[in-house]
N, C-alpha and C. Protein backbone atom coordinates (compact mmCIF):
# COMPACT_ATOMS: atom_id res chain seq x y z
N UNK A 1 13.19 48.17 -39.36
CA UNK A 1 13.97 47.09 -39.93
C UNK A 1 15.44 47.49 -39.98
N UNK A 2 16.33 46.52 -39.82
CA UNK A 2 17.75 46.79 -39.86
C UNK A 2 18.18 47.25 -41.25
N UNK A 3 19.30 47.97 -41.31
CA UNK A 3 19.82 48.42 -42.59
C UNK A 3 20.37 47.25 -43.38
N UNK A 4 20.55 47.45 -44.67
CA UNK A 4 21.06 46.39 -45.53
C UNK A 4 22.47 45.97 -45.10
N UNK A 5 23.27 46.92 -44.62
CA UNK A 5 24.62 46.60 -44.14
C UNK A 5 24.55 45.72 -42.89
N UNK A 6 23.62 46.02 -42.01
CA UNK A 6 23.48 45.22 -40.78
C UNK A 6 22.99 43.82 -41.11
N UNK A 7 22.05 43.70 -42.04
CA UNK A 7 21.55 42.38 -42.44
C UNK A 7 22.67 41.57 -43.06
N UNK A 8 23.46 42.19 -43.92
CA UNK A 8 24.60 41.51 -44.54
C UNK A 8 25.56 40.98 -43.47
N UNK A 9 25.90 41.82 -42.50
CA UNK A 9 26.84 41.42 -41.45
C UNK A 9 26.27 40.27 -40.61
N UNK A 10 24.99 40.32 -40.33
CA UNK A 10 24.37 39.27 -39.50
C UNK A 10 24.32 37.94 -40.25
N UNK A 11 24.06 38.00 -41.55
CA UNK A 11 24.06 36.77 -42.35
C UNK A 11 25.45 36.14 -42.34
N UNK A 12 26.47 36.95 -42.59
CA UNK A 12 27.84 36.42 -42.65
C UNK A 12 28.27 35.84 -41.30
N UNK A 13 27.79 36.43 -40.21
CA UNK A 13 28.12 35.90 -38.88
C UNK A 13 27.36 34.61 -38.59
N UNK A 14 26.13 34.52 -39.07
CA UNK A 14 25.28 33.36 -38.76
C UNK A 14 25.55 32.17 -39.67
N UNK A 15 26.01 32.42 -40.89
CA UNK A 15 26.26 31.36 -41.86
C UNK A 15 27.74 31.38 -42.22
N UNK A 16 28.57 30.62 -41.52
CA UNK A 16 30.02 30.65 -41.76
C UNK A 16 30.36 30.27 -43.21
N UNK A 17 31.26 31.03 -43.79
CA UNK A 17 31.69 30.76 -45.15
C UNK A 17 30.84 31.40 -46.22
N UNK A 18 29.74 31.99 -45.84
CA UNK A 18 28.85 32.61 -46.83
C UNK A 18 29.48 33.87 -47.40
N UNK A 19 29.13 34.16 -48.65
CA UNK A 19 29.62 35.35 -49.33
C UNK A 19 28.41 36.19 -49.71
N UNK A 20 28.34 37.40 -49.19
CA UNK A 20 27.20 38.28 -49.42
C UNK A 20 27.73 39.63 -49.90
N UNK A 21 27.15 40.12 -51.00
CA UNK A 21 27.56 41.42 -51.53
C UNK A 21 26.33 42.30 -51.69
N UNK A 22 26.49 43.58 -51.43
CA UNK A 22 25.40 44.54 -51.62
C UNK A 22 25.41 45.01 -53.07
N UNK A 23 24.27 44.87 -53.73
CA UNK A 23 24.14 45.27 -55.13
C UNK A 23 23.44 46.61 -55.17
N UNK A 24 24.10 47.64 -55.72
CA UNK A 24 23.47 48.97 -55.78
C UNK A 24 22.37 49.02 -56.82
N UNK A 25 21.55 50.04 -56.74
CA UNK A 25 20.45 50.24 -57.68
C UNK A 25 20.46 51.71 -58.09
N UNK A 26 20.69 51.93 -59.38
CA UNK A 26 20.81 53.32 -59.85
C UNK A 26 19.47 53.98 -60.13
N UNK A 27 18.38 53.26 -59.96
CA UNK A 27 17.06 53.84 -60.21
C UNK A 27 16.68 54.80 -59.08
N UNK A 28 15.63 55.60 -59.29
CA UNK A 28 15.21 56.53 -58.23
C UNK A 28 14.85 55.84 -56.91
N UNK A 29 14.43 54.58 -56.97
CA UNK A 29 14.05 53.89 -55.74
C UNK A 29 15.26 53.59 -54.85
N UNK A 30 16.44 53.46 -55.49
CA UNK A 30 17.67 53.13 -54.76
C UNK A 30 17.48 51.92 -53.86
N UNK A 31 16.77 50.92 -54.38
CA UNK A 31 16.44 49.74 -53.58
C UNK A 31 17.58 48.73 -53.66
N UNK A 32 18.41 48.70 -52.62
CA UNK A 32 19.57 47.83 -52.61
C UNK A 32 19.14 46.37 -52.43
N UNK A 33 20.00 45.46 -52.89
CA UNK A 33 19.72 44.04 -52.73
C UNK A 33 20.98 43.31 -52.32
N UNK A 34 20.82 42.06 -51.91
CA UNK A 34 21.93 41.25 -51.45
C UNK A 34 22.17 40.10 -52.41
N UNK A 35 23.38 40.03 -52.96
CA UNK A 35 23.78 38.91 -53.80
C UNK A 35 24.43 37.86 -52.91
N UNK A 36 23.84 36.66 -52.87
CA UNK A 36 24.36 35.61 -52.00
C UNK A 36 24.97 34.50 -52.84
N UNK A 37 25.98 33.84 -52.28
CA UNK A 37 26.61 32.75 -53.02
C UNK A 37 25.71 31.53 -53.05
N UNK A 38 25.76 30.80 -54.14
CA UNK A 38 24.82 29.70 -54.37
C UNK A 38 24.97 28.57 -53.37
N UNK A 39 26.20 28.30 -52.96
CA UNK A 39 26.43 27.18 -52.05
C UNK A 39 25.72 27.38 -50.72
N UNK A 40 25.73 28.59 -50.21
CA UNK A 40 25.16 28.85 -48.89
C UNK A 40 23.75 29.47 -48.96
N UNK A 41 23.21 29.63 -50.17
CA UNK A 41 21.91 30.29 -50.31
C UNK A 41 20.80 29.63 -49.50
N UNK A 42 20.64 28.29 -49.51
CA UNK A 42 19.57 27.70 -48.69
C UNK A 42 19.72 27.99 -47.20
N UNK A 43 20.96 27.93 -46.70
CA UNK A 43 21.19 28.21 -45.28
C UNK A 43 20.91 29.68 -44.97
N UNK A 44 21.29 30.57 -45.89
CA UNK A 44 21.01 31.99 -45.71
C UNK A 44 19.50 32.23 -45.70
N UNK A 45 18.78 31.56 -46.60
CA UNK A 45 17.33 31.72 -46.66
C UNK A 45 16.67 31.27 -45.36
N UNK A 46 17.13 30.14 -44.84
CA UNK A 46 16.55 29.66 -43.58
C UNK A 46 16.85 30.62 -42.44
N UNK A 47 18.05 31.19 -42.45
CA UNK A 47 18.40 32.12 -41.38
C UNK A 47 17.51 33.36 -41.40
N UNK A 48 17.37 33.99 -42.57
CA UNK A 48 16.58 35.24 -42.61
C UNK A 48 15.10 34.96 -42.36
N UNK A 49 14.65 33.73 -42.63
CA UNK A 49 13.26 33.38 -42.32
C UNK A 49 13.06 33.16 -40.83
N UNK A 50 14.01 32.47 -40.19
CA UNK A 50 13.82 32.03 -38.80
C UNK A 50 14.40 33.00 -37.77
N UNK A 51 15.24 33.93 -38.20
CA UNK A 51 15.85 34.86 -37.26
C UNK A 51 14.78 35.68 -36.55
N UNK A 52 14.92 35.82 -35.25
CA UNK A 52 13.88 36.46 -34.45
C UNK A 52 13.65 37.92 -34.82
N UNK A 53 14.68 38.61 -35.28
CA UNK A 53 14.53 40.02 -35.61
C UNK A 53 14.06 40.22 -37.05
N UNK A 54 14.53 39.40 -37.95
CA UNK A 54 14.15 39.55 -39.36
C UNK A 54 12.80 38.90 -39.66
N UNK A 55 12.68 37.61 -39.35
CA UNK A 55 11.44 36.85 -39.59
C UNK A 55 10.88 37.10 -41.00
N UNK A 56 11.71 36.95 -42.01
CA UNK A 56 11.26 37.14 -43.39
C UNK A 56 10.51 35.89 -43.82
N UNK A 57 9.26 35.81 -43.38
CA UNK A 57 8.48 34.59 -43.52
C UNK A 57 7.65 34.53 -44.81
N UNK A 58 7.68 35.59 -45.61
CA UNK A 58 6.84 35.63 -46.80
C UNK A 58 7.65 36.05 -48.01
N UNK A 59 7.71 35.17 -49.01
CA UNK A 59 8.33 35.49 -50.29
C UNK A 59 7.22 35.92 -51.25
N UNK A 60 7.17 37.19 -51.54
CA UNK A 60 6.06 37.72 -52.33
C UNK A 60 6.26 37.55 -53.82
N UNK A 61 7.52 37.55 -54.25
CA UNK A 61 7.76 37.56 -55.69
C UNK A 61 9.15 37.00 -55.98
N UNK A 62 9.22 36.21 -57.05
CA UNK A 62 10.51 35.72 -57.55
C UNK A 62 10.53 35.99 -59.05
N UNK A 63 11.59 36.58 -59.53
CA UNK A 63 11.66 36.88 -60.95
C UNK A 63 13.03 36.51 -61.49
N UNK A 64 13.11 36.37 -62.81
CA UNK A 64 14.37 36.09 -63.47
C UNK A 64 14.89 37.32 -64.20
N UNK A 65 16.20 37.38 -64.37
CA UNK A 65 16.84 38.45 -65.13
C UNK A 65 17.90 37.82 -66.02
N UNK A 66 17.96 38.27 -67.26
CA UNK A 66 18.94 37.77 -68.21
C UNK A 66 19.94 38.88 -68.50
N UNK A 67 21.21 38.61 -68.21
CA UNK A 67 22.29 39.57 -68.48
C UNK A 67 23.15 39.01 -69.60
N UNK A 68 23.14 39.67 -70.75
CA UNK A 68 23.90 39.22 -71.90
C UNK A 68 25.40 39.47 -71.71
N UNK A 69 26.20 38.77 -72.52
CA UNK A 69 27.63 39.07 -72.57
C UNK A 69 27.78 40.56 -72.91
N UNK A 70 28.76 41.21 -72.32
CA UNK A 70 28.93 42.63 -72.60
C UNK A 70 30.41 43.00 -72.57
N UNK A 71 30.69 44.13 -73.12
CA UNK A 71 32.06 44.65 -73.15
C UNK A 71 32.14 45.90 -72.29
N UNK A 72 33.04 45.89 -71.32
CA UNK A 72 33.24 47.03 -70.43
C UNK A 72 34.46 47.82 -70.92
N UNK A 73 34.23 49.08 -71.23
CA UNK A 73 35.32 49.94 -71.67
C UNK A 73 35.79 50.81 -70.51
N UNK A 74 37.08 50.88 -70.33
CA UNK A 74 37.63 51.71 -69.27
C UNK A 74 38.88 52.43 -69.76
N UNK A 75 39.10 53.62 -69.23
CA UNK A 75 40.24 54.44 -69.61
C UNK A 75 41.35 54.28 -68.60
N UNK A 76 42.55 53.97 -69.08
CA UNK A 76 43.71 53.80 -68.19
C UNK A 76 44.81 54.75 -68.63
N UNK A 77 45.67 55.10 -67.69
CA UNK A 77 46.82 55.95 -67.97
C UNK A 77 48.05 55.07 -68.16
N UNK A 78 48.76 55.29 -69.26
CA UNK A 78 49.99 54.53 -69.53
C UNK A 78 51.09 55.53 -69.91
N UNK A 79 52.32 55.11 -69.66
CA UNK A 79 53.47 55.95 -70.02
C UNK A 79 54.07 55.46 -71.32
N UNK A 80 54.26 56.38 -72.25
CA UNK A 80 54.85 56.04 -73.54
C UNK A 80 55.84 57.13 -73.94
N UNK A 81 56.80 56.72 -74.81
CA UNK A 81 57.74 57.68 -75.35
C UNK A 81 57.12 58.37 -76.56
N UNK A 82 57.02 59.67 -76.51
CA UNK A 82 56.49 60.46 -77.61
C UNK A 82 57.56 61.46 -78.01
N UNK A 83 58.11 61.28 -79.20
CA UNK A 83 59.21 62.14 -79.69
C UNK A 83 60.38 62.14 -78.71
N UNK A 84 60.64 60.94 -78.16
CA UNK A 84 61.78 60.81 -77.25
C UNK A 84 61.51 61.26 -75.84
N UNK A 85 60.29 61.70 -75.57
CA UNK A 85 59.94 62.17 -74.23
C UNK A 85 58.86 61.26 -73.64
N UNK A 86 59.08 60.82 -72.42
CA UNK A 86 58.10 59.95 -71.76
C UNK A 86 56.90 60.79 -71.30
N UNK A 87 55.74 60.39 -71.79
CA UNK A 87 54.52 61.09 -71.42
C UNK A 87 53.47 60.10 -70.97
N UNK A 88 52.57 60.62 -70.14
CA UNK A 88 51.44 59.81 -69.69
C UNK A 88 50.24 60.10 -70.58
N UNK A 89 49.74 59.07 -71.24
CA UNK A 89 48.62 59.25 -72.14
C UNK A 89 47.47 58.33 -71.72
N UNK A 90 46.30 58.64 -72.19
CA UNK A 90 45.10 57.85 -71.88
C UNK A 90 44.84 56.85 -72.99
N UNK A 91 44.51 55.63 -72.60
CA UNK A 91 44.13 54.59 -73.55
C UNK A 91 42.84 53.94 -73.10
N UNK A 92 42.07 53.49 -74.07
CA UNK A 92 40.82 52.79 -73.76
C UNK A 92 41.03 51.29 -73.88
N UNK A 93 40.71 50.58 -72.82
CA UNK A 93 40.82 49.12 -72.83
C UNK A 93 39.42 48.52 -72.75
N UNK A 94 39.29 47.35 -73.35
CA UNK A 94 38.01 46.64 -73.34
C UNK A 94 38.14 45.33 -72.57
N UNK A 95 37.17 45.09 -71.71
CA UNK A 95 37.13 43.84 -70.94
C UNK A 95 35.82 43.13 -71.25
N UNK A 96 35.92 41.90 -71.73
CA UNK A 96 34.72 41.13 -72.06
C UNK A 96 34.20 40.44 -70.80
N UNK A 97 32.94 40.72 -70.48
CA UNK A 97 32.31 40.14 -69.29
C UNK A 97 31.26 39.13 -69.72
N UNK A 98 31.37 37.88 -69.26
CA UNK A 98 30.38 36.86 -69.66
C UNK A 98 29.02 37.15 -69.05
N UNK A 99 27.98 36.78 -69.76
CA UNK A 99 26.63 36.97 -69.26
C UNK A 99 26.25 35.93 -68.21
N UNK A 100 25.14 36.15 -67.56
CA UNK A 100 24.64 35.22 -66.55
C UNK A 100 23.15 35.44 -66.38
N UNK A 101 22.52 34.54 -65.64
CA UNK A 101 21.10 34.65 -65.30
C UNK A 101 20.98 34.88 -63.80
N UNK A 102 19.92 35.56 -63.40
CA UNK A 102 19.68 35.83 -61.98
C UNK A 102 18.29 35.37 -61.58
N UNK A 103 18.18 34.94 -60.34
CA UNK A 103 16.88 34.75 -59.69
C UNK A 103 16.82 35.75 -58.54
N UNK A 104 15.75 36.53 -58.48
CA UNK A 104 15.63 37.63 -57.51
C UNK A 104 14.40 37.39 -56.65
N UNK A 105 14.59 37.36 -55.34
CA UNK A 105 13.52 37.07 -54.38
C UNK A 105 13.22 38.31 -53.53
N UNK A 106 11.92 38.66 -53.48
CA UNK A 106 11.48 39.79 -52.64
C UNK A 106 10.84 39.21 -51.37
N UNK A 107 11.41 39.56 -50.23
CA UNK A 107 11.02 38.95 -48.96
C UNK A 107 10.43 39.99 -48.01
N UNK A 108 9.40 39.56 -47.31
CA UNK A 108 8.74 40.41 -46.31
C UNK A 108 8.56 39.63 -45.02
N UNK A 109 8.33 40.37 -43.96
CA UNK A 109 7.96 39.76 -42.69
C UNK A 109 6.53 40.13 -42.35
N UNK A 110 5.66 39.15 -42.37
CA UNK A 110 4.29 39.38 -41.95
C UNK A 110 4.25 39.60 -40.44
N UNK A 111 5.08 38.84 -39.73
CA UNK A 111 5.10 38.93 -38.27
C UNK A 111 5.61 40.29 -37.79
N UNK A 112 6.69 40.76 -38.43
CA UNK A 112 7.29 42.03 -38.00
C UNK A 112 6.81 43.24 -38.80
N UNK A 113 6.05 42.97 -39.87
CA UNK A 113 5.50 44.04 -40.71
C UNK A 113 6.59 44.94 -41.30
N UNK A 114 7.61 44.29 -41.89
CA UNK A 114 8.63 45.07 -42.58
C UNK A 114 9.09 44.34 -43.85
N UNK A 115 9.84 45.06 -44.67
CA UNK A 115 10.32 44.55 -45.94
C UNK A 115 10.14 45.61 -47.02
N UNK A 116 10.56 45.37 -48.25
CA UNK A 116 11.15 44.08 -48.63
C UNK A 116 12.66 44.03 -48.39
N UNK A 117 13.16 42.82 -48.24
CA UNK A 117 14.57 42.53 -48.33
C UNK A 117 14.73 41.69 -49.60
N UNK A 118 15.64 42.11 -50.48
CA UNK A 118 15.78 41.47 -51.78
C UNK A 118 17.09 40.69 -51.82
N UNK A 119 17.01 39.41 -52.14
CA UNK A 119 18.22 38.61 -52.29
C UNK A 119 18.29 38.07 -53.72
N UNK A 120 19.51 37.92 -54.20
CA UNK A 120 19.76 37.48 -55.58
C UNK A 120 20.70 36.28 -55.58
N UNK A 121 20.53 35.44 -56.59
CA UNK A 121 21.50 34.40 -56.91
C UNK A 121 21.82 34.50 -58.39
N UNK A 122 23.07 34.16 -58.76
CA UNK A 122 23.50 34.24 -60.15
C UNK A 122 24.06 32.92 -60.63
N UNK A 123 23.76 32.60 -61.89
CA UNK A 123 24.34 31.42 -62.50
C UNK A 123 25.77 31.71 -62.95
N UNK A 124 26.50 30.63 -63.27
CA UNK A 124 27.87 30.82 -63.74
C UNK A 124 27.93 31.45 -65.11
N UNK A 125 26.97 31.12 -65.96
CA UNK A 125 26.89 31.70 -67.30
C UNK A 125 25.48 31.50 -67.83
N UNK A 126 25.29 31.68 -69.14
CA UNK A 126 23.95 31.56 -69.74
C UNK A 126 23.80 30.25 -70.52
N UNK A 127 24.79 29.37 -70.47
CA UNK A 127 24.73 28.18 -71.31
C UNK A 127 24.95 26.89 -70.53
N UNK A 128 26.17 26.64 -70.11
CA UNK A 128 26.49 25.35 -69.49
C UNK A 128 26.33 25.32 -67.98
N UNK A 129 26.29 26.48 -67.35
CA UNK A 129 26.22 26.54 -65.88
C UNK A 129 25.03 27.40 -65.48
N UNK A 130 23.83 26.82 -65.56
CA UNK A 130 22.60 27.59 -65.30
C UNK A 130 21.79 26.97 -64.16
N UNK A 131 22.49 26.39 -63.19
CA UNK A 131 21.80 25.77 -62.07
C UNK A 131 21.91 26.64 -60.82
N UNK A 132 20.81 26.71 -60.07
CA UNK A 132 20.77 27.40 -58.79
C UNK A 132 20.02 26.52 -57.80
N UNK A 133 20.28 26.68 -56.51
CA UNK A 133 19.50 25.93 -55.53
C UNK A 133 18.09 26.49 -55.43
N UNK A 134 17.11 25.61 -55.31
CA UNK A 134 15.73 26.06 -55.13
C UNK A 134 15.53 26.55 -53.70
N UNK A 135 14.79 27.64 -53.56
CA UNK A 135 14.43 28.14 -52.23
C UNK A 135 12.97 27.83 -51.90
N UNK A 136 12.34 27.01 -52.73
CA UNK A 136 10.97 26.57 -52.44
C UNK A 136 10.87 25.82 -51.12
N UNK A 137 11.86 24.97 -50.76
CA UNK A 137 11.77 24.31 -49.44
C UNK A 137 11.74 25.29 -48.28
N UNK A 138 12.21 26.52 -48.49
CA UNK A 138 12.18 27.54 -47.42
C UNK A 138 10.91 28.37 -47.51
N UNK A 139 10.56 28.80 -48.73
CA UNK A 139 9.34 29.58 -48.95
C UNK A 139 8.50 28.86 -50.01
N UNK A 140 7.43 28.25 -49.60
CA UNK A 140 6.61 27.46 -50.53
C UNK A 140 6.02 28.34 -51.64
N UNK A 141 5.84 29.62 -51.36
CA UNK A 141 5.28 30.53 -52.36
C UNK A 141 6.18 30.70 -53.57
N UNK A 142 7.44 30.25 -53.47
CA UNK A 142 8.37 30.37 -54.60
C UNK A 142 8.19 29.24 -55.62
N UNK A 143 7.39 28.24 -55.31
CA UNK A 143 7.32 27.04 -56.16
C UNK A 143 6.93 27.35 -57.60
N UNK A 144 5.78 27.98 -57.80
CA UNK A 144 5.31 28.24 -59.16
C UNK A 144 6.16 29.30 -59.85
N UNK A 145 6.69 30.24 -59.08
CA UNK A 145 7.49 31.30 -59.69
C UNK A 145 8.86 30.79 -60.12
N UNK A 146 9.43 29.86 -59.38
CA UNK A 146 10.67 29.23 -59.85
C UNK A 146 10.42 28.40 -61.10
N UNK A 147 9.27 27.76 -61.17
CA UNK A 147 8.91 27.03 -62.39
C UNK A 147 8.80 27.98 -63.58
N UNK A 148 8.24 29.15 -63.37
CA UNK A 148 8.12 30.12 -64.44
C UNK A 148 9.50 30.59 -64.91
N UNK A 149 10.41 30.83 -63.97
CA UNK A 149 11.77 31.24 -64.33
C UNK A 149 12.47 30.13 -65.10
N UNK A 150 12.30 28.89 -64.66
CA UNK A 150 12.86 27.75 -65.39
C UNK A 150 12.33 27.70 -66.81
N UNK A 151 11.03 27.90 -66.95
CA UNK A 151 10.37 27.82 -68.25
C UNK A 151 10.83 28.94 -69.17
N UNK A 152 10.84 30.17 -68.69
CA UNK A 152 11.07 31.33 -69.55
C UNK A 152 12.52 31.76 -69.65
N UNK A 153 13.35 31.42 -68.64
CA UNK A 153 14.75 31.84 -68.66
C UNK A 153 15.74 30.68 -68.75
N UNK A 154 15.32 29.49 -68.35
CA UNK A 154 16.22 28.34 -68.43
C UNK A 154 17.10 28.13 -67.23
N UNK A 155 16.72 28.64 -66.06
CA UNK A 155 17.46 28.35 -64.83
C UNK A 155 16.92 27.05 -64.24
N UNK A 156 17.81 26.11 -63.95
CA UNK A 156 17.42 24.83 -63.34
C UNK A 156 17.59 24.94 -61.83
N UNK A 157 16.49 24.76 -61.10
CA UNK A 157 16.51 24.90 -59.65
C UNK A 157 16.66 23.54 -58.99
N UNK A 158 17.85 23.26 -58.50
CA UNK A 158 18.11 21.98 -57.83
C UNK A 158 17.34 21.92 -56.52
N UNK A 159 16.63 20.81 -56.32
CA UNK A 159 15.86 20.64 -55.10
C UNK A 159 14.43 21.11 -55.21
N UNK A 160 14.03 21.61 -56.38
CA UNK A 160 12.64 22.02 -56.56
C UNK A 160 11.75 20.77 -56.59
N UNK A 161 10.59 20.78 -55.93
CA UNK A 161 9.77 19.57 -55.84
C UNK A 161 9.07 19.18 -57.14
N UNK A 162 8.94 20.09 -58.09
CA UNK A 162 8.17 19.76 -59.30
C UNK A 162 8.59 20.68 -60.45
N UNK A 163 9.85 20.59 -60.85
CA UNK A 163 10.38 21.52 -61.85
C UNK A 163 10.00 21.06 -63.26
N UNK A 164 9.04 21.74 -63.84
CA UNK A 164 8.60 21.49 -65.21
C UNK A 164 7.99 22.78 -65.75
N UNK A 165 7.82 22.82 -67.06
CA UNK A 165 7.29 24.03 -67.68
C UNK A 165 5.91 24.35 -67.12
N UNK A 166 5.60 25.65 -67.10
CA UNK A 166 4.31 26.07 -66.55
C UNK A 166 3.53 26.93 -67.53
N UNK A 167 4.20 27.58 -68.48
CA UNK A 167 3.53 28.41 -69.48
C UNK A 167 3.67 27.83 -70.89
N UNK A 168 4.87 27.37 -71.23
CA UNK A 168 5.09 26.80 -72.54
C UNK A 168 4.80 25.30 -72.50
N UNK A 169 4.58 24.71 -73.67
CA UNK A 169 4.29 23.28 -73.74
C UNK A 169 5.57 22.48 -73.54
N UNK A 170 5.41 21.20 -73.20
CA UNK A 170 6.55 20.37 -72.82
C UNK A 170 7.59 20.25 -73.93
N UNK A 171 7.15 20.24 -75.18
CA UNK A 171 8.06 20.04 -76.30
C UNK A 171 8.84 21.30 -76.68
N UNK A 172 8.47 22.42 -76.11
CA UNK A 172 9.13 23.68 -76.44
C UNK A 172 10.59 23.60 -76.03
N UNK A 173 11.48 24.05 -76.90
CA UNK A 173 12.91 23.83 -76.68
C UNK A 173 13.69 25.07 -76.27
N UNK A 174 13.07 26.22 -76.23
CA UNK A 174 13.82 27.44 -75.93
C UNK A 174 13.24 28.13 -74.71
N UNK A 175 13.73 29.33 -74.43
CA UNK A 175 13.29 30.09 -73.26
C UNK A 175 12.96 31.51 -73.73
N UNK A 176 11.67 31.82 -73.90
CA UNK A 176 11.27 33.04 -74.63
C UNK A 176 11.53 34.36 -73.91
N UNK A 177 11.95 34.36 -72.66
CA UNK A 177 12.29 35.63 -72.02
C UNK A 177 13.78 35.94 -72.09
N UNK A 178 14.54 35.04 -72.70
CA UNK A 178 15.95 35.35 -72.93
C UNK A 178 16.05 36.53 -73.90
N UNK A 179 17.01 37.41 -73.67
CA UNK A 179 17.11 38.61 -74.49
C UNK A 179 17.50 38.31 -75.93
N UNK A 180 18.14 37.17 -76.16
CA UNK A 180 18.53 36.82 -77.52
C UNK A 180 17.60 35.79 -78.15
N UNK A 181 16.41 35.61 -77.57
CA UNK A 181 15.45 34.65 -78.10
C UNK A 181 14.94 35.12 -79.46
N UNK A 182 14.86 34.20 -80.41
CA UNK A 182 14.37 34.50 -81.75
C UNK A 182 13.06 33.75 -81.95
N UNK A 183 12.01 34.48 -82.27
CA UNK A 183 10.71 33.84 -82.47
C UNK A 183 10.74 32.93 -83.70
N UNK A 184 10.02 31.82 -83.65
CA UNK A 184 9.92 30.97 -84.84
C UNK A 184 9.07 31.65 -85.90
N UNK A 185 9.23 31.23 -87.13
CA UNK A 185 8.49 31.84 -88.22
C UNK A 185 7.16 31.16 -88.50
N UNK A 186 7.04 29.89 -88.14
CA UNK A 186 5.84 29.16 -88.56
C UNK A 186 4.69 29.25 -87.56
N UNK A 187 4.98 29.58 -86.29
CA UNK A 187 3.92 29.68 -85.26
C UNK A 187 3.03 28.44 -85.31
N UNK A 188 3.68 27.31 -85.27
CA UNK A 188 2.98 26.03 -85.41
C UNK A 188 1.86 25.87 -84.38
N UNK A 189 2.07 26.39 -83.18
CA UNK A 189 1.10 26.16 -82.11
C UNK A 189 0.21 27.37 -81.85
N UNK A 190 0.22 28.35 -82.75
CA UNK A 190 -0.63 29.54 -82.58
C UNK A 190 -2.01 29.25 -83.15
N UNK A 191 -3.03 29.06 -82.31
CA UNK A 191 -4.36 28.67 -82.81
C UNK A 191 -5.10 29.79 -83.52
N UNK A 192 -4.89 31.03 -83.09
CA UNK A 192 -5.63 32.16 -83.70
C UNK A 192 -4.65 33.29 -84.00
N UNK A 193 -3.80 33.14 -85.02
CA UNK A 193 -2.83 34.20 -85.33
C UNK A 193 -3.53 35.48 -85.75
N UNK A 194 -2.94 36.61 -85.38
CA UNK A 194 -3.51 37.90 -85.74
C UNK A 194 -2.39 38.92 -85.87
N UNK A 195 -2.72 40.04 -86.53
CA UNK A 195 -1.78 41.14 -86.71
C UNK A 195 -0.47 40.64 -87.32
N UNK A 196 0.65 41.00 -86.73
CA UNK A 196 1.95 40.61 -87.29
C UNK A 196 2.10 39.10 -87.34
N UNK A 197 1.59 38.42 -86.31
CA UNK A 197 1.68 36.96 -86.29
C UNK A 197 0.94 36.38 -87.48
N UNK A 198 -0.23 36.92 -87.79
CA UNK A 198 -1.01 36.42 -88.93
C UNK A 198 -0.24 36.62 -90.23
N UNK A 199 0.37 37.78 -90.40
CA UNK A 199 1.13 38.05 -91.62
C UNK A 199 2.25 37.03 -91.80
N UNK A 200 2.97 36.75 -90.72
CA UNK A 200 4.08 35.80 -90.81
C UNK A 200 3.58 34.38 -90.99
N UNK A 201 2.47 34.05 -90.33
CA UNK A 201 1.96 32.69 -90.39
C UNK A 201 1.41 32.35 -91.77
N UNK A 202 0.91 33.35 -92.51
CA UNK A 202 0.33 33.08 -93.83
C UNK A 202 1.35 32.46 -94.78
N UNK A 203 2.60 32.75 -94.57
CA UNK A 203 3.63 32.17 -95.42
C UNK A 203 3.77 30.68 -95.27
N UNK A 204 3.13 30.09 -94.25
CA UNK A 204 3.23 28.66 -94.00
C UNK A 204 1.89 27.94 -94.17
N UNK A 205 0.85 28.69 -94.59
CA UNK A 205 -0.45 28.05 -94.77
C UNK A 205 -0.42 27.13 -95.98
N UNK A 206 -1.29 26.14 -95.96
CA UNK A 206 -1.44 25.24 -97.10
C UNK A 206 -2.09 26.00 -98.26
N UNK A 207 -1.53 25.82 -99.48
CA UNK A 207 -2.06 26.48 -100.67
C UNK A 207 -2.33 25.43 -101.75
N UNK A 208 -3.33 25.65 -102.59
CA UNK A 208 -3.64 24.66 -103.64
C UNK A 208 -2.49 24.53 -104.63
N UNK A 209 -2.18 23.26 -105.02
CA UNK A 209 -1.25 23.01 -106.10
C UNK A 209 -1.94 23.20 -107.43
N UNK A 210 -1.21 23.06 -108.51
CA UNK A 210 -1.78 23.25 -109.84
C UNK A 210 -2.89 22.24 -110.12
N UNK A 211 -2.84 21.06 -109.47
CA UNK A 211 -3.88 20.06 -109.67
C UNK A 211 -5.05 20.20 -108.71
N UNK A 212 -5.03 21.29 -107.90
CA UNK A 212 -6.13 21.52 -106.98
C UNK A 212 -5.90 20.98 -105.59
N UNK A 213 -4.88 20.12 -105.41
CA UNK A 213 -4.61 19.56 -104.10
C UNK A 213 -3.87 20.57 -103.26
N UNK A 214 -4.04 20.50 -101.95
CA UNK A 214 -3.39 21.44 -101.07
C UNK A 214 -1.93 21.03 -100.81
N UNK A 215 -1.07 22.00 -100.78
CA UNK A 215 0.33 21.75 -100.48
C UNK A 215 0.82 22.80 -99.50
N UNK A 216 1.92 22.51 -98.82
CA UNK A 216 2.50 23.43 -97.82
C UNK A 216 3.59 24.23 -98.47
N UNK A 217 3.52 25.55 -98.31
CA UNK A 217 4.58 26.39 -98.83
C UNK A 217 5.28 27.04 -97.65
N UNK A 218 6.58 27.14 -97.76
CA UNK A 218 7.34 27.77 -96.67
C UNK A 218 7.58 29.22 -96.99
N UNK A 219 7.78 30.01 -95.95
CA UNK A 219 8.00 31.43 -96.15
C UNK A 219 9.35 31.67 -96.81
N UNK A 220 9.39 32.72 -97.58
CA UNK A 220 10.65 33.05 -98.26
C UNK A 220 11.65 33.55 -97.23
C-alpha cells in the first residue's frame, strides 16, 4: 500500500481544492490518519473508494471523538528592560483553543487486501456548528455507525438516509458520550437500577405520607 504522504498527494491532485492534513499519533502504534476538509469529504471518499490502486471499498468502523475546549501554554522569549539593561526573558503565554467533535473512518481494501487508511472530519465547534457530511452514500456500512455517533456525540450527518437515535430513546435530549455529560439523578427510564444507580434512584422513589398515601420525594 502507498505511504500516507503519497495518498495525501494523490487525493489533493484528484480532488481540486481539497485540504488534507496528516494527523500524527503519539501512541506506540504510530498510526497516522488524514484530516480532510468537510466540503470535499464526499468527493475524497469516492476517490479513495474508486481509485484503481487504493480501492478502499470497505469501511470497517466509524467512531466519534469529543475534544473539549483547552488551554495551550507555550513559552516565548521577550526582551525587557531589567535594571536599565535590556535582557531576553522567558514568559508563558496561554492560548485558548475551542473544542470540536470528530468522526473517524477506518477504511480497508478487500480487493487489494490492504489497510487501514484512516480519515477524519472535524466540526467547527461542540455547540452551534456540529454538522458533517455523511459518508454513508459512499460506504453503506457507515449507516448505523453514523447514527450511533449522532446519538451519543451529537454530530449531525447531512445526507444520511435515516438519521435518528439508535441507542437512546427519542425523547432523550443529551449526548451521553460527550466528556462533559452529566448523568441525571432520577434515572426515570432505568427499569432495574442496581449498585450506585440504585442508591441514587432511591432518593426519587415514592414514599408513604403521614396519612399512608404514597408521595414522591426528591433527592436532597
